[in-house]
Each structure stands twice: as C-alpha cells, then as structure tokens.
Amino acid sequence: MNKLLQAENLHKTFGQVTAIRDVSLNLGSNDFMAIIGKSGSGKTTTMHLLAGLESPDSTYLVKVNLTYP
C-alpha cells in the first residue's frame, strides 16, 4: 500500500479544553476516510492540523506523499 498521509499522536488544546488527544491515522492511495462525531468532538480541529492551519500542542508526525505521473 502506498501511504499518502500518515499522522501520529496529534494533540490540541484550547485553554483548558482538550480538542483532540493522541489521534493517529494512515491513509493509502485507495483509502477513503470520513470523520464523524458530535458537535465539539474535534473533527474540524483534526482537519486543520492535517492541513497545517493549526499547530499541534505535542510532538507529532505528519507525512504527505504525493506523486504525479
């Protein structure tokens, strides 16, 4: 499997509120992902961290491997 996106141990807090804690994922070239959950469960924060729009609070790893023909 060709890994397109890998993230490990994403953690983000806003003040005393923990938005996400220790989120890890691996997506391959044929994978499909959906993030579902209640309001305030950290869906948007997770996407912002993966896109680089927010900075995580903890040490983490995000790798993006895109190759074009």
Protein backbone atom coordinates (compact mmCIF):
# COMPACT_ATOMS: atom_id res chain seq x y z
CA MET A 1 0.00 0.00 0.00
CA ASN A 2 1.29 3.44 -0.94
CA LYS A 3 0.85 5.72 2.09
CA LEU A 4 -0.47 9.12 1.06
CA LEU A 5 -0.99 10.54 4.54
CA GLN A 6 0.38 9.47 7.90
CA ALA A 7 -0.22 11.30 11.18
CA GLU A 8 0.78 10.19 14.67
CA ASN A 9 -0.21 11.43 18.12
CA LEU A 10 -1.94 14.67 17.17
CA HIS A 11 -2.90 16.61 20.30
CA LYS A 12 -4.53 20.05 20.57
CA THR A 13 -5.95 22.03 23.46
CA PHE A 14 -7.63 25.42 23.61
CA GLY A 15 -7.06 26.80 27.09
CA GLN A 16 -8.15 24.04 29.45
CA VAL A 17 -10.30 22.28 26.84
CA THR A 18 -8.74 19.30 25.05
CA ALA A 19 -10.00 19.32 21.47
CA ILE A 20 -8.19 16.13 20.38
CA ARG A 21 -5.83 13.74 22.11
CA ASP A 22 -3.47 11.19 20.52
CA VAL A 23 -5.14 10.95 17.11
CA SER A 24 -3.23 8.78 14.64
CA LEU A 25 -4.10 7.69 11.12
CA ASN A 26 -2.65 6.18 7.96
CA LEU A 27 -4.28 6.64 4.57
CA GLY A 28 -3.24 4.75 1.48
CA SER A 29 -3.79 5.52 -2.18
CA ASN A 30 -7.03 3.50 -2.33
CA ASP A 31 -8.41 4.52 1.08
CA PHE A 32 -11.44 6.65 1.80
CA MET A 33 -11.89 8.43 5.13
CA ALA A 34 -14.79 10.17 6.84
CA ILE A 35 -14.62 11.91 10.20
CA ILE A 36 -17.91 11.79 12.05
CA GLY A 37 -18.87 12.81 15.56
CA LYS A 38 -20.90 15.11 17.73
CA SER A 39 -20.59 18.87 17.69
CA GLY A 40 -17.40 19.87 19.50
CA SER A 41 -15.76 16.46 19.20
CA GLY A 42 -12.67 17.73 17.32
CA LYS A 43 -13.49 16.97 13.67
CA THR A 44 -12.62 20.42 12.33
CA THR A 45 -9.58 20.72 14.60
CA THR A 46 -8.27 17.41 13.25
CA MET A 47 -8.67 18.58 9.66
CA HIS A 48 -7.00 21.92 10.49
CA LEU A 49 -4.00 20.11 11.98
CA LEU A 50 -3.68 17.81 8.98
CA ALA A 51 -3.88 20.79 6.61
CA GLY A 52 -1.35 22.82 8.60
CA LEU A 53 -3.84 25.54 9.50
CA GLU A 54 -3.38 24.93 13.24
CA SER A 55 -0.28 23.99 15.20
CA PRO A 56 -0.43 20.91 17.45
CA ASP A 57 0.47 21.04 21.13
CA SER A 58 2.50 17.84 21.19
CA THR A 59 5.20 16.14 19.20
CA TYR A 60 3.67 14.62 16.12
CA LEU A 61 4.42 13.35 12.68
CA VAL A 62 2.55 14.20 9.52
CA LYS A 63 3.82 12.84 6.23
CA VAL A 64 2.22 13.52 2.89
CA ASN A 65 3.47 11.53 -0.09
CA LEU A 66 2.02 12.70 -3.38
CA THR A 67 3.47 11.56 -6.65
CA TYR A 68 2.30 12.62 -10.08
CA PRO A 69 2.89 10.69 -13.29
